[in-house]
Protein backbone atom coordinates (compact mmCIF):
# COMPACT_ATOMS: atom_id res chain seq x y z
CA UNK A 1 0.00 0.00 0.00
CA UNK A 2 1.38 3.38 -1.06
CA UNK A 3 0.60 6.68 0.67
CA UNK A 4 1.60 9.97 -1.00
CA UNK A 5 2.29 13.09 1.06
CA UNK A 6 1.81 16.17 -1.14
CA UNK A 7 3.37 19.49 -0.20
CA UNK A 8 0.90 22.33 -0.02
CA UNK A 9 2.70 24.30 -2.79
CA UNK A 10 1.58 21.68 -5.32
CA UNK A 11 -1.88 23.26 -5.24
CA UNK A 12 -0.52 26.06 -7.42
CA UNK A 13 -1.87 25.95 -10.95
CA UNK A 14 1.54 25.78 -12.60
CA UNK A 15 2.06 22.30 -11.14
CA UNK A 16 -1.39 20.94 -11.89
CA UNK A 17 -0.57 19.41 -15.27
CA UNK A 18 2.68 17.83 -14.11
CA UNK A 19 1.15 16.35 -10.98
CA UNK A 20 -1.74 14.92 -12.99
CA UNK A 21 0.64 13.29 -15.49
CA UNK A 22 2.65 11.81 -12.61
CA UNK A 23 -0.50 10.39 -11.06
CA UNK A 24 -1.38 8.78 -14.38
CA UNK A 25 2.06 7.17 -14.57
CA UNK A 26 1.73 5.84 -11.03
CA UNK A 27 -1.57 4.26 -12.05
CA UNK A 28 0.11 2.72 -15.10
CA UNK A 29 2.74 1.15 -12.83
CA UNK A 30 0.06 -0.09 -10.43
CA UNK A 31 1.37 1.91 -7.48
CA UNK A 32 -1.24 4.67 -7.16
CA UNK A 33 -2.38 5.15 -3.58
CA UNK A 34 -3.83 7.39 -0.94
CA UNK A 35 -3.04 11.12 -1.23
CA UNK A 36 -2.64 13.30 1.85
CA UNK A 37 -2.02 17.03 1.43
CA UNK A 38 0.36 18.52 3.99
CA UNK A 39 -0.27 21.89 5.61
CA UNK A 40 2.30 24.14 7.27
CA UNK A 41 1.40 22.90 10.75
CA UNK A 42 0.83 19.27 9.80
CA UNK A 43 2.45 16.79 12.19
CA UNK A 44 4.14 14.48 9.70
CA UNK A 45 5.11 11.97 12.38
CA UNK A 46 1.50 11.42 13.46
CA UNK A 47 0.35 11.05 9.85
CA UNK A 48 3.05 8.54 8.94
CA UNK A 49 2.62 6.47 12.09
CA UNK A 50 -1.16 6.41 11.60
CA UNK A 51 -0.85 5.28 7.98
CA UNK A 52 1.66 2.58 8.91
CA UNK A 53 -0.80 1.24 11.49
CA UNK A 54 -3.40 1.12 8.72
CA UNK A 55 -1.09 -0.99 6.57
CA UNK A 56 1.00 1.46 4.54
CA UNK A 57 4.22 -0.13 3.32
CA UNK A 58 5.63 2.82 1.37
CA UNK A 59 5.35 6.52 2.25
CA UNK A 60 6.14 8.75 -0.72
CA UNK A 61 7.12 12.40 -0.21
CA UNK A 62 6.01 14.62 -3.11
CA UNK A 63 7.61 18.07 -3.25
CA UNK A 64 11.11 19.50 -2.84
CA UNK A 65 14.05 19.53 -0.41
CA UNK A 66 12.01 21.42 2.17
CA UNK A 67 9.19 18.86 1.97
CA UNK A 68 11.69 16.02 2.29
CA UNK A 69 13.27 17.50 5.41
CA UNK A 70 9.93 18.44 6.97
CA UNK A 71 8.64 14.87 6.76
CA UNK A 72 11.75 12.84 7.53
CA UNK A 73 13.04 15.02 10.38
CA UNK A 74 9.87 14.02 12.20
CA UNK A 75 9.02 10.60 10.81
CA UNK A 76 12.42 8.96 10.29
CA UNK A 77 11.73 6.50 13.12
CA UNK A 78 8.80 4.91 11.26
CA UNK A 79 9.32 1.31 10.19
CA UNK A 80 8.39 1.86 6.56
CA UNK A 81 10.02 2.39 3.18
CA UNK A 82 10.17 6.02 2.00
CA UNK A 83 10.03 7.21 -1.58
CA UNK A 84 10.47 10.67 -3.09
CA UNK A 85 8.89 12.31 -6.14
CA UNK A 86 10.63 15.68 -6.69
CA UNK A 87 8.56 18.51 -8.15
CA UNK A 88 9.66 22.07 -8.88
CA UNK A 89 12.95 23.81 -8.04
CA UNK A 90 15.16 23.26 -4.98
CA UNK A 91 15.65 19.54 -5.36
CA UNK A 92 19.33 18.93 -4.63
CA UNK A 93 18.52 15.87 -2.49
CA UNK A 94 16.67 14.16 -5.35
CA UNK A 95 19.75 14.55 -7.55
CA UNK A 96 21.94 12.91 -4.89
CA UNK A 97 19.44 10.05 -4.61
CA UNK A 98 19.42 9.59 -8.38
CA UNK A 99 15.76 10.51 -8.71
CA UNK A 100 14.87 12.59 -11.79
CA UNK A 101 12.04 15.11 -11.70
CA UNK A 102 8.62 14.66 -13.24
CA UNK A 103 7.24 11.44 -14.67
CA UNK A 104 10.63 9.69 -14.75
CA UNK A 105 10.63 9.71 -10.96
CA UNK A 106 7.58 7.44 -11.03
CA UNK A 107 9.57 4.79 -12.86
CA UNK A 108 12.34 4.95 -10.23
CA UNK A 109 9.71 4.48 -7.52
CA UNK A 110 8.19 1.51 -9.32
CA UNK A 111 11.56 -0.29 -9.48
CA UNK A 112 11.85 -0.18 -5.64
CA UNK A 113 15.65 -0.12 -5.52
CA UNK A 114 16.07 0.32 -1.75
CA UNK A 115 19.02 1.37 0.41
CA UNK A 116 19.42 2.29 4.06
CA UNK A 117 20.66 5.83 4.75
CA UNK A 118 22.32 7.47 7.75
CA UNK A 119 20.29 9.93 9.81
CA UNK A 120 21.49 12.72 12.08
CA UNK A 121 20.24 13.41 15.59
CA UNK A 122 20.32 16.79 17.33
CA UNK A 123 18.83 17.56 20.74
CA UNK A 124 16.28 14.74 20.56
CA UNK A 125 15.11 15.12 16.98
CA UNK A 126 16.25 13.79 13.62
CA UNK A 127 17.73 15.65 10.68
CA UNK A 128 18.40 14.06 7.31
CA UNK A 129 19.72 16.72 4.97
CA UNK A 130 21.79 19.44 6.65
CA UNK A 131 22.29 21.34 9.90
CA UNK A 132 23.73 24.86 10.03
CA UNK A 133 25.00 26.83 13.01
CA UNK A 134 25.01 30.42 11.84
CA UNK A 135 28.22 32.42 12.52
CA UNK A 136 28.73 32.73 16.27
CA UNK A 137 31.35 32.52 19.01
CA UNK A 138 31.21 28.79 19.71
CA UNK A 139 33.32 25.91 20.93
CA UNK A 140 33.13 22.44 19.43
CA UNK A 141 34.15 19.09 20.88
CA UNK A 142 33.84 16.12 18.56
CA UNK A 143 34.19 12.40 19.24
CA UNK A 144 35.23 13.34 22.80
CA UNK A 145 38.79 13.87 21.58
CA UNK A 146 39.18 17.08 19.64
CA UNK A 147 38.20 20.66 20.44
CA UNK A 148 37.84 23.68 18.20
CA UNK A 149 36.82 27.11 19.41
CA UNK A 150 36.53 30.62 18.06
CA UNK A 151 38.97 33.25 19.21
CA UNK A 152 37.52 36.06 21.34
CA UNK A 153 35.52 38.39 19.12
CA UNK A 154 35.72 35.96 16.19
CA UNK A 155 32.86 33.87 14.81
CA UNK A 156 32.62 30.44 13.24
CA UNK A 157 30.03 28.94 10.91
CA UNK A 158 29.36 25.22 11.22
CA UNK A 159 27.62 23.13 8.54
CA UNK A 160 26.90 19.44 9.15
CA UNK A 161 25.90 17.59 6.00
CA UNK A 162 24.23 14.25 5.43
CA UNK A 163 22.10 14.03 2.28
CA UNK A 164 22.43 17.66 1.26
CA UNK A 165 25.73 18.41 -0.52
CA UNK A 166 28.05 21.12 0.75
CA UNK A 167 28.57 24.03 -1.64
CA UNK A 168 32.10 25.39 -1.38
CA UNK A 169 31.99 29.07 -2.31
CA UNK A 170 35.78 29.31 -2.15
CA UNK A 171 36.47 26.40 -4.51
CA UNK A 172 33.26 26.82 -6.54
CA UNK A 173 32.40 23.15 -6.16
CA UNK A 174 29.73 20.86 -4.76
CA UNK A 175 30.92 18.32 -2.21
CA UNK A 176 28.67 15.26 -2.02
CA UNK A 177 28.53 13.40 1.29
CA UNK A 178 28.24 9.62 1.42
CA UNK A 179 25.08 8.93 3.46
CA UNK A 180 26.00 5.31 4.23
CA UNK A 181 29.50 5.64 5.68
CA UNK A 182 28.47 5.72 9.33
CA UNK A 183 29.75 9.28 9.76
CA UNK A 184 28.47 12.81 9.55
CA UNK A 185 30.65 15.47 7.88
CA UNK A 186 31.24 18.87 9.42
CA UNK A 187 32.44 21.95 7.53
CA UNK A 188 33.83 24.74 9.71
CA UNK A 189 34.43 28.25 8.32
CA UNK A 190 35.87 31.15 10.35
CA UNK A 191 34.40 34.55 9.48
CA UNK A 192 36.99 36.94 8.07
CA UNK A 193 34.82 40.02 7.99
CA UNK A 194 31.35 41.22 7.08
CA UNK A 195 30.66 44.02 4.62
CA UNK A 196 27.43 45.62 3.44
CA UNK A 197 26.63 42.84 1.00
CA UNK A 198 27.93 39.54 2.37
CA UNK A 199 29.90 37.69 5.02
CA UNK A 200 33.42 36.73 3.95
CA UNK A 201 34.90 33.46 5.20
CA UNK A 202 38.14 31.57 5.25
CA UNK A 203 38.19 28.28 3.36
CA UNK A 204 36.24 25.59 5.21
CA UNK A 205 37.93 22.80 7.14
CA UNK A 206 36.16 19.46 6.93
CA UNK A 207 36.15 16.58 9.39
CA UNK A 208 34.01 13.45 9.76
CA UNK A 209 32.59 12.62 13.18
CA UNK A 210 30.11 10.46 15.06
CA UNK A 211 29.26 12.82 17.92
CA UNK A 212 29.76 16.54 18.45
CA UNK A 213 28.90 19.04 21.19
CA UNK A 214 28.57 22.70 20.22
CA UNK A 215 28.26 25.33 22.95
CA UNK A 216 28.37 29.10 23.30
CA UNK A 217 28.25 31.70 26.05
CA UNK A 218 25.46 33.37 24.09
CA UNK A 219 22.56 31.81 22.23
CA UNK A 220 23.33 30.92 18.63
CA UNK A 221 20.98 30.14 15.73
CA UNK A 222 20.65 26.55 14.54
CA UNK A 223 18.78 25.50 11.40
CA UNK A 224 18.18 21.78 10.83
CA UNK A 225 16.12 20.62 7.85
CA UNK A 226 14.59 24.07 7.59
CA UNK A 227 13.63 24.44 11.26
CA UNK A 228 15.36 27.26 13.17
CA UNK A 229 15.92 27.55 16.91
CA UNK A 230 18.07 29.45 19.40
CA UNK A 231 20.39 27.31 21.49
CA UNK A 232 23.32 27.63 23.89
CA UNK A 233 24.33 23.99 23.63
CA UNK A 234 23.55 21.19 21.20
CA UNK A 235 24.67 17.59 20.80
CA UNK A 236 24.87 16.33 17.22
CA UNK A 237 25.40 12.66 16.50
CA UNK A 238 24.70 9.86 14.11
CA UNK A 239 21.35 8.30 14.98
CA UNK A 240 21.13 4.56 15.56
CA UNK A 241 18.12 4.55 13.27
CA UNK A 242 18.58 4.36 9.50
CA UNK A 243 15.99 5.35 6.90
CA UNK A 244 15.09 2.89 4.15
CA UNK A 245 14.67 4.84 0.91
CA UNK A 246 13.89 4.05 -2.72
CA UNK A 247 16.71 5.44 -4.87
CA UNK A 248 17.69 5.59 -8.53
CA UNK A 249 20.54 3.76 -10.26
CA UNK A 250 22.25 7.12 -10.97
CA UNK A 251 22.58 8.08 -7.33
CA UNK A 252 25.82 9.75 -6.22
CA UNK A 253 26.84 7.05 -3.73
């Protein structure tokens, strides 16, 4: 049994034709199913758990990177296979998973090529794509062995990647993370200075880790899978749970 979680933005008229053609292809493949339309305040975890109790075997996220993070950061613990049908812009995760946009994604879903993917855990909730600590005076201890801290008056930006690639502005390249290696990857960039138009950074240092503690004397901003919060201390680690996901043959890992 397939259940499809549609992002609310798919109601826009410009997506109507594409979504309809995708639904027709799903019917052709014999994998059409129940459609649930997500709202901004929808509790994805409750929906997924309820549908699994009713017999759902595959939960398919329909939307973009934001949709993907919204659902899986809450429902990653569900014992079910997840699929993804990317629609519209902002679909870097789909590219990493080897899932094309539009009707071709339906064929990938129908083939059910499944892999298990690493999941991050921060302060008692999951994240699957990326976590960002915005520039702040912070100290970092990772794997209980190594410590990094900002000099007084200096700020550091921390980006922890899992499924979402890291974009290196300095080297003009996209760094793809392997989401099955049993590690998370951290990219740390000291702030050089800030002008009227942008923040300038040193080149990022990268290090893999299993557990990290980030703390600051003042509250810093954390964004994980699109959700922002103010924190003074966070623990980031690799979750014991893995997500089972349908992927394409052209995936990056």
